[in-house]
C-alpha atoms as a PDB file:
ATOM      1  CA  MET A   1      46.537 -62.894  40.330  1.00  0.00           C
ATOM      2  CA  SER A   2      43.418 -61.737  38.458  1.00  0.00           C
ATOM      3  CA  ILE A   3      40.605 -64.166  37.763  1.00  0.00           C
ATOM      4  CA  ARG A   4      40.263 -65.390  34.181  1.00  0.00           C
ATOM      5  CA  PHE A   5      36.706 -65.823  32.951  1.00  0.00           C
ATOM      6  CA  GLU A   6      35.428 -68.260  30.389  1.00  0.00           C
ATOM      7  CA  ALA A   7      34.873 -66.422  27.097  1.00  0.00           C
ATOM      8  CA  SER A   8      31.766 -66.515  24.912  1.00  0.00           C
ATOM      9  CA  TRP A   9      29.597 -64.293  22.761  1.00  0.00           C
ATOM     10  CA  SER A  10      25.883 -64.231  23.550  1.00  0.00           C
ATOM     11  CA  GLY A  11      23.981 -63.850  20.289  1.00  0.00           C
ATOM     12  CA  SER A  12      21.191 -65.126  18.068  1.00  0.00           C
ATOM     13  CA  ASP A  13      20.911 -67.193  14.914  1.00  0.00           C
ATOM     14  CA  LEU A  14      21.583 -64.611  12.152  1.00  0.00           C
ATOM     15  CA  GLY A  15      18.546 -65.649  10.184  1.00  0.00           C
ATOM     16  CA  GLY A  16      19.380 -69.335  10.210  1.00  0.00           C
ATOM     17  CA  HIS A  17      23.012 -68.924   9.110  1.00  0.00           C
ATOM     18  CA  ARG A  18      24.205 -69.663  12.648  1.00  0.00           C
ATOM     19  CA  SER A  19      22.506 -72.335  14.713  1.00  0.00           C
ATOM     20  CA  CYS A  20      20.639 -71.027  17.761  1.00  0.00           C
ATOM     21  CA  PRO A  21      18.141 -73.340  19.506  1.00  0.00           C
ATOM     22  CA  ASN A  22      16.806 -70.546  21.743  1.00  0.00           C
ATOM     23  CA  THR A  23      16.534 -66.773  21.638  1.00  0.00           C
ATOM     24  CA  TYR A  24      20.245 -66.602  22.510  1.00  0.00           C
ATOM     25  CA  ASP A  25      23.105 -69.029  22.505  1.00  0.00           C
ATOM     26  CA  GLN A  26      26.732 -68.733  23.562  1.00  0.00           C
ATOM     27  CA  TYR A  27      29.374 -68.898  20.830  1.00  0.00           C
ATOM     28  CA  SER A  28      33.100 -69.364  21.286  1.00  0.00           C
ATOM     29  CA  HIS A  29      35.234 -66.390  20.339  1.00  0.00           C
ATOM     30  CA  ASP A  30      37.189 -68.586  17.924  1.00  0.00           C
ATOM     31  CA  SER A  31      34.008 -69.126  15.919  1.00  0.00           C
ATOM     32  CA  LEU A  32      33.209 -65.411  15.474  1.00  0.00           C
ATOM     33  CA  PRO A  33      34.028 -63.390  12.357  1.00  0.00           C
ATOM     34  CA  PRO A  34      37.056 -61.117  12.887  1.00  0.00           C
ATOM     35  CA  LEU A  35      36.401 -57.390  13.210  1.00  0.00           C
ATOM     36  CA  ASP A  36      38.169 -54.634  11.285  1.00  0.00           C
ATOM     37  CA  GLU A  37      40.287 -52.852  13.887  1.00  0.00           C
ATOM     38  CA  ARG A  38      40.199 -49.645  11.840  1.00  0.00           C
ATOM     39  CA  HIS A  39      36.632 -49.046  13.039  1.00  0.00           C
ATOM     40  CA  PHE A  40      37.536 -48.683  16.669  1.00  0.00           C
ATOM     41  CA  LYS A  41      38.747 -45.154  17.334  1.00  0.00           C
ATOM     42  CA  GLY A  42      36.314 -44.325  20.133  1.00  0.00           C
ATOM     43  CA  THR A  43      34.328 -41.972  17.880  1.00  0.00           C
ATOM     44  CA  PHE A  44      31.668 -44.397  16.615  1.00  0.00           C
ATOM     45  CA  GLU A  45      31.858 -43.193  13.023  1.00  0.00           C
ATOM     46  CA  TRP A  46      30.399 -46.542  11.936  1.00  0.00           C
ATOM     47  CA  LEU A  47      27.293 -45.664  13.960  1.00  0.00           C
ATOM     48  CA  GLY A  48      26.995 -42.146  12.576  1.00  0.00           C
ATOM     49  CA  GLY A  49      29.416 -40.423  14.913  1.00  0.00           C
ATOM     50  CA  HIS A  50      28.898 -38.326  18.034  1.00  0.00           C
ATOM     51  CA  ALA A  51      26.379 -35.506  17.436  1.00  0.00           C
ATOM     52  CA  GLY A  52      25.833 -33.273  20.432  1.00  0.00           C
ATOM     53  CA  THR A  53      25.656 -34.022  24.142  1.00  0.00           C
ATOM     54  CA  SER A  54      22.666 -35.063  26.243  1.00  0.00           C
ATOM     55  CA  GLU A  55      22.769 -33.183  29.545  1.00  0.00           C
ATOM     56  CA  ASP A  56      20.320 -35.677  31.080  1.00  0.00           C
ATOM     57  CA  ARG A  57      22.647 -38.561  30.275  1.00  0.00           C
ATOM     58  CA  VAL A  58      25.651 -36.626  31.559  1.00  0.00           C
ATOM     59  CA  ALA A  59      23.826 -36.192  34.868  1.00  0.00           C
ATOM     60  CA  GLU A  60      22.835 -39.878  34.964  1.00  0.00           C
ATOM     61  CA  LEU A  61      26.396 -40.945  34.308  1.00  0.00           C
ATOM     62  CA  GLU A  62      27.817 -38.558  36.899  1.00  0.00           C
ATOM     63  CA  THR A  63      26.210 -40.450  39.779  1.00  0.00           C
ATOM     64  CA  VAL A  64      27.882 -43.681  38.676  1.00  0.00           C
ATOM     65  CA  THR A  65      31.260 -42.132  37.918  1.00  0.00           C
ATOM     66  CA  GLU A  66      31.378 -40.436  41.326  1.00  0.00           C
ATOM     67  CA  GLU A  67      30.766 -43.758  43.080  1.00  0.00           C
ATOM     68  CA  LEU A  68      33.411 -45.468  40.974  1.00  0.00           C
ATOM     69  CA  ASP A  69      35.895 -42.696  41.614  1.00  0.00           C
ATOM     70  CA  LEU A  70      35.669 -43.368  45.351  1.00  0.00           C
ATOM     71  CA  LYS A  71      36.675 -46.949  44.590  1.00  0.00           C
ATOM     72  CA  GLY A  72      39.556 -45.964  42.324  1.00  0.00           C
ATOM     73  CA  LEU A  73      37.696 -47.174  39.233  1.00  0.00           C
ATOM     74  CA  SER A  74      36.329 -45.560  36.088  1.00  0.00           C
ATOM     75  CA  LEU A  75      34.106 -46.342  33.141  1.00  0.00           C
ATOM     76  CA  PRO A  76      35.807 -46.718  29.748  1.00  0.00           C
ATOM     77  CA  GLN A  77      36.028 -43.531  27.694  1.00  0.00           C
ATOM     78  CA  ASP A  78      34.416 -45.070  24.615  1.00  0.00           C
ATOM     79  CA  PHE A  79      31.291 -45.828  26.653  1.00  0.00           C
ATOM     80  CA  ILE A  80      31.241 -42.304  28.122  1.00  0.00           C
ATOM     81  CA  THR A  81      31.393 -40.871  24.587  1.00  0.00           C
ATOM     82  CA  TYR A  82      28.598 -43.171  23.474  1.00  0.00           C
ATOM     83  CA  PHE A  83      26.324 -42.798  26.492  1.00  0.00           C
ATOM     84  CA  THR A  84      26.474 -39.000  26.782  1.00  0.00           C
ATOM     85  CA  SER A  85      25.890 -38.310  23.089  1.00  0.00           C
ATOM     86  CA  ALA A  86      22.523 -36.979  21.989  1.00  0.00           C
ATOM     87  CA  ASN A  87      22.139 -39.441  19.123  1.00  0.00           C
ATOM     88  CA  LEU A  88      23.955 -42.715  19.826  1.00  0.00           C
ATOM     89  CA  PRO A  89      22.453 -44.475  22.895  1.00  0.00           C
ATOM     90  CA  ASP A  90      19.059 -45.174  21.329  1.00  0.00           C
ATOM     91  CA  ILE A  91      20.455 -46.743  18.160  1.00  0.00           C
ATOM     92  CA  LEU A  92      21.500 -50.116  19.585  1.00  0.00           C
ATOM     93  CA  GLY A  93      18.199 -50.580  21.388  1.00  0.00           C
ATOM     94  CA  ASP A  94      16.209 -49.586  18.315  1.00  0.00           C
ATOM     95  CA  GLN A  95      18.259 -52.021  16.221  1.00  0.00           C
ATOM     96  CA  SER A  96      17.810 -54.925  18.646  1.00  0.00           C
ATOM     97  CA  LEU A  97      15.462 -57.625  17.352  1.00  0.00           C
ATOM     98  CA  THR A  98      15.131 -59.074  20.863  1.00  0.00           C
ATOM     99  CA  CYS A  99      14.067 -55.758  22.413  1.00  0.00           C
ATOM    100  CA  CYS A 100      17.262 -55.048  24.349  1.00  0.00           C
ATOM    101  CA  TRP A 101      17.715 -51.643  25.883  1.00  0.00           C
ATOM    102  CA  SER A 102      20.261 -49.433  27.645  1.00  0.00           C
ATOM    103  CA  SER A 103      20.087 -49.829  31.425  1.00  0.00           C
ATOM    104  CA  LEU A 104      22.800 -48.264  33.562  1.00  0.00           C
ATOM    105  CA  SER A 105      23.274 -49.570  37.088  1.00  0.00           C
ATOM    106  CA  GLU A 106      25.173 -48.331  40.091  1.00  0.00           C
ATOM    107  CA  PRO A 107      28.435 -50.188  40.838  1.00  0.00           C
ATOM    108  CA  ILE A 108      27.743 -53.759  41.977  1.00  0.00           C
ATOM    109  CA  PRO A 109      30.390 -55.791  43.845  1.00  0.00           C
ATOM    110  CA  SER A 110      31.885 -58.634  41.861  1.00  0.00           C
ATOM    111  CA  PRO A 111      30.702 -61.940  43.357  1.00  0.00           C
ATOM    112  CA  VAL A 112      34.054 -63.568  42.558  1.00  0.00           C
ATOM    113  CA  GLU A 113      36.777 -60.966  43.158  1.00  0.00           C
ATOM    114  CA  THR A 114      37.281 -58.612  46.088  1.00  0.00           C
ATOM    115  CA  GLY A 115      37.724 -54.982  45.020  1.00  0.00           C
ATOM    116  CA  ALA A 116      36.236 -55.515  41.546  1.00  0.00           C
ATOM    117  CA  PHE A 117      32.826 -54.207  40.476  1.00  0.00           C
ATOM    118  CA  LEU A 118      30.193 -54.666  37.803  1.00  0.00           C
ATOM    119  CA  VAL A 119      28.248 -51.885  36.096  1.00  0.00           C
ATOM    120  CA  ARG A 120      25.297 -53.050  34.002  1.00  0.00           C
ATOM    121  CA  PHE A 121      24.840 -51.072  30.783  1.00  0.00           C
ATOM    122  CA  PHE A 122      22.531 -53.140  28.542  1.00  0.00           C
ATOM    123  CA  ARG A 123      19.913 -55.825  29.025  1.00  0.00           C
ATOM    124  CA  ASP A 124      17.486 -58.062  27.208  1.00  0.00           C
ATOM    125  CA  GLN A 125      13.818 -57.190  27.665  1.00  0.00           C
ATOM    126  CA  GLN A 126      13.177 -60.430  29.561  1.00  0.00           C
ATOM    127  CA  ASP A 127      16.602 -60.457  31.239  1.00  0.00           C
ATOM    128  CA  CYS A 128      17.700 -63.506  29.253  1.00  0.00           C
ATOM    129  CA  VAL A 129      21.076 -61.768  28.967  1.00  0.00           C
ATOM    130  CA  LEU A 130      22.513 -58.752  30.759  1.00  0.00           C
ATOM    131  CA  TRP A 131      25.749 -57.038  29.805  1.00  0.00           C
ATOM    132  CA  TYR A 132      28.116 -55.470  32.342  1.00  0.00           C
ATOM    133  CA  PHE A 133      31.438 -53.720  32.513  1.00  0.00           C
ATOM    134  CA  TYR A 134      33.869 -55.608  34.680  1.00  0.00           C
ATOM    135  CA  LEU A 135      36.039 -53.118  36.555  1.00  0.00           C
ATOM    136  CA  ARG A 136      39.064 -53.971  38.631  1.00  0.00           C
ATOM    137  CA  PRO A 137      41.775 -51.657  40.014  1.00  0.00           C
ATOM    138  CA  GLY A 138      44.740 -51.167  37.714  1.00  0.00           C
ATOM    139  CA  SER A 139      43.108 -52.814  34.683  1.00  0.00           C
ATOM    140  CA  SER A 140      41.126 -51.702  31.666  1.00  0.00           C
ATOM    141  CA  ALA A 141      37.404 -52.356  31.766  1.00  0.00           C
ATOM    142  CA  PHE A 142      36.047 -55.213  29.674  1.00  0.00           C
ATOM    143  CA  VAL A 143      32.564 -56.525  28.896  1.00  0.00           C
ATOM    144  CA  VAL A 144      31.000 -59.586  30.492  1.00  0.00           C
ATOM    145  CA  HIS A 145      27.535 -61.065  30.139  1.00  0.00           C
ATOM    146  CA  SER A 146      25.323 -63.089  32.436  1.00  0.00           C
ATOM    147  CA  HIS A 147      21.792 -64.425  32.806  1.00  0.00           C
ATOM    148  CA  LEU A 148      21.779 -62.944  36.314  1.00  0.00           C
ATOM    149  CA  GLU A 149      20.614 -59.460  37.288  1.00  0.00           C
ATOM    150  CA  TYR A 150      23.221 -58.872  39.970  1.00  0.00           C
ATOM    151  CA  ALA A 151      21.605 -55.806  41.509  1.00  0.00           C
ATOM    152  CA  TYR A 152      18.593 -57.993  42.250  1.00  0.00           C
ATOM    153  CA  GLU A 153      20.704 -60.969  43.352  1.00  0.00           C
ATOM    154  CA  TYR A 154      22.484 -58.904  45.989  1.00  0.00           C
ATOM    155  CA  GLU A 155      19.236 -57.295  47.149  1.00  0.00           C
ATOM    156  CA  ALA A 156      17.570 -60.688  47.530  1.00  0.00           C
ATOM    157  CA  HIS A 157      20.604 -62.097  49.299  1.00  0.00           C
ATOM    158  CA  ALA A 158      20.717 -59.196  51.750  1.00  0.00           C
ATOM    159  CA  SER A 159      17.002 -59.359  52.549  1.00  0.00           C
ATOM    160  CA  GLY A 160      17.441 -62.411  54.758  1.00  0.00           C
ATOM    161  CA  GLY A 161      14.109 -63.777  53.614  1.00  0.00           C
ATOM    162  CA  GLU A 162      13.242 -67.281  52.500  1.00  0.00           C
ATOM    163  CA  PHE A 163      13.751 -66.437  48.824  1.00  0.00           C
ATOM    164  CA  LYS A 164      17.436 -65.815  48.097  1.00  0.00           C
ATOM    165  CA  GLY A 165      17.268 -64.906  44.425  1.00  0.00           C
ATOM    166  CA  ASN A 166      18.131 -66.962  41.368  1.00  0.00           C
ATOM    167  CA  SER A 167      21.591 -68.053  42.436  1.00  0.00           C
ATOM    168  CA  ASP A 168      23.821 -68.539  45.447  1.00  0.00           C
ATOM    169  CA  ILE A 169      25.824 -65.318  45.430  1.00  0.00           C
ATOM    170  CA  ASP A 170      28.385 -66.916  47.774  1.00  0.00           C
ATOM    171  CA  ASP A 171      29.015 -69.939  45.533  1.00  0.00           C
ATOM    172  CA  PHE A 172      32.237 -69.079  43.700  1.00  0.00           C
ATOM    173  CA  ASP A 173      31.952 -71.838  41.094  1.00  0.00           C
ATOM    174  CA  GLU A 174      28.338 -71.002  40.320  1.00  0.00           C
ATOM    175  CA  GLN A 175      29.167 -67.333  39.845  1.00  0.00           C
ATOM    176  CA  MET A 176      32.189 -68.071  37.672  1.00  0.00           C
ATOM    177  CA  GLU A 177      29.897 -70.058  35.411  1.00  0.00           C
ATOM    178  CA  ALA A 178      27.291 -67.290  35.393  1.00  0.00           C
ATOM    179  CA  LEU A 179      29.756 -64.560  34.346  1.00  0.00           C
ATOM    180  CA  GLN A 180      31.347 -64.880  30.895  1.00  0.00           C
ATOM    181  CA  TYR A 181      33.954 -62.664  29.249  1.00  0.00           C
ATOM    182  CA  CYS A 182      32.348 -61.092  26.178  1.00  0.00           C
ATOM    183  CA  ALA A 183      34.494 -58.363  24.580  1.00  0.00           C
ATOM    184  CA  PRO A 184      37.715 -56.441  25.339  1.00  0.00           C
ATOM    185  CA  THR A 185      36.132 -52.997  24.836  1.00  0.00           C
ATOM    186  CA  PHE A 186      32.686 -51.474  24.762  1.00  0.00           C
ATOM    187  CA  GLU A 187      32.980 -50.279  21.162  1.00  0.00           C
ATOM    188  CA  LYS A 188      33.918 -53.749  19.907  1.00  0.00           C
ATOM    189  CA  TRP A 189      30.980 -55.238  21.787  1.00  0.00           C
ATOM    190  CA  ALA A 190      28.670 -52.539  20.383  1.00  0.00           C
ATOM    191  CA  TYR A 191      29.851 -53.058  16.813  1.00  0.00           C
ATOM    192  CA  ARG A 192      29.340 -56.818  16.868  1.00  0.00           C
ATOM    193  CA  PHE A 193      25.914 -56.419  18.498  1.00  0.00           C
ATOM    194  CA  TRP A 194      24.950 -53.788  15.914  1.00  0.00           C
ATOM    195  CA  ILE A 195      26.100 -55.646  12.802  1.00  0.00           C
ATOM    196  CA  GLU A 196      24.547 -58.941  13.900  1.00  0.00           C
ATOM    197  CA  ASN A 197      21.166 -57.344  14.509  1.00  0.00           C
ATOM    198  CA  ARG A 198      21.297 -55.523  11.190  1.00  0.00           C
ATOM    199  CA  ILE A 199      22.129 -58.761   9.392  1.00  0.00           C
ATOM    200  CA  SER A 200      19.306 -60.623  11.141  1.00  0.00           C
ATOM    201  CA  GLU A 201      16.825 -57.909  10.238  1.00  0.00           C
ATOM    202  CA  ALA A 202      17.883 -58.037   6.585  1.00  0.00           C
ATOM    203  CA  VAL A 203      17.961 -61.796   6.089  1.00  0.00           C
ATOM    204  CA  GLU A 204      14.696 -62.363   7.942  1.00  0.00           C
ATOM    205  CA  SER A 205      12.885 -59.666   5.993  1.00  0.00           C
ATOM    206  CA  GLU A 206      10.160 -60.686   3.530  1.00  0.00           C
ATOM    207  CA  ASP A 207      11.632 -58.144   1.162  1.00  0.00           C
ATOM    208  CA  THR A 208      14.810 -58.786  -0.814  1.00  0.00           C
ATOM    209  CA  PRO A 209      17.670 -58.753   1.718  1.00  0.00           C
ATOM    210  CA  SER A 210      19.941 -55.756   1.376  1.00  0.00           C
ATOM    211  CA  LEU A 211      23.353 -56.306   2.921  1.00  0.00           C
ATOM    212  CA  ASP A 212      26.294 -53.968   2.563  1.00  0.00           C
ATOM    213  CA  GLU A 213      29.832 -55.176   1.895  1.00  0.00           C
ATOM    214  CA  GLU A 214      30.788 -55.578   5.553  1.00  0.00           C
ATOM    215  CA  GLN A 215      27.590 -57.438   6.394  1.00  0.00           C
ATOM    216  CA  HIS A 216      28.142 -59.788   3.457  1.00  0.00           C
ATOM    217  CA  ALA A 217      31.698 -60.455   4.662  1.00  0.00           C
ATOM    218  CA  TYR A 218      30.504 -61.092   8.229  1.00  0.00           C
ATOM    219  CA  LEU A 219      27.833 -63.543   7.094  1.00  0.00           C
ATOM    220  CA  ASN A 220      30.166 -65.173   4.580  1.00  0.00           C
ATOM    221  CA  HIS A 221      32.359 -66.250   7.508  1.00  0.00           C
ATOM    222  CA  TYR A 222      29.584 -68.640   8.545  1.00  0.00           C
ATOM    223  CA  ARG A 223      28.812 -69.786   5.016  1.00  0.00           C
ATOM    224  CA  THR A 224      32.473 -70.646   4.523  1.00  0.00           C
ATOM    225  CA  SER A 225      32.668 -72.387   7.894  1.00  0.00           C
ATOM    226  CA  HIS A 226      29.660 -74.541   7.009  1.00  0.00           C
ATOM    227  CA  ARG A 227      31.191 -75.544   3.666  1.00  0.00           C
ATOM    228  CA  HIS A 228      34.432 -76.592   5.348  1.00  0.00           C
ATOM    229  CA  SER A 229      32.843 -78.385   8.286  1.00  0.00           C
ATOM    230  CA  PRO A 230      33.444 -82.154   8.189  1.00  0.00           C
ATOM    231  CA  SER A 231      30.397 -84.364   7.790  1.00  0.00           C
ATOM    232  CA  VAL A 232      29.308 -86.407  10.801  1.00  0.00           C
END
């Protein structure tokens, strides 16, 4: 039986419209605005669409895909489309108000499930949050997030030195707490990350905020929730 992770979204405060005591907080999926499923066709039209192929990124991805293939695993097609395009991969990093950036790792063993692997694809500048694909045989990839840099954790653990990293990689309960289910597909994760950062940029601007219809609807979810919240 496959392991079931706790689910949360790691995000920021949306310009004060969503409480966030630190740079990031974790929000239950039930509290998030719903997404329009019509966006998610694997072509990223909402981000401008795929325009050309980057041969450098194809080569970078090939190393990872070859390793995964030996394990009977594969990256999701929507991520391959995104990552190998000439125009898309820089957009999310450029949009990030917390200086996140694309960072592809080699396959990393899951600390909680034999035969499953993690592949890091995005990270916060200070490693407050790192986002990974969770890959297990016979299942579709999904997105998880963690405060742990697992490539480093395994390296520190294997070194045999006095310092063992930032967590006990062998502690199942600790690792289950450190890994949180984030999104069912890469494109859905990317869209929510993108729209939240665009909203934050607009509402925190000294200029008159300029939100499009979808951004207004996304933010209105929180305004409505606040109005209907019972007083304490």
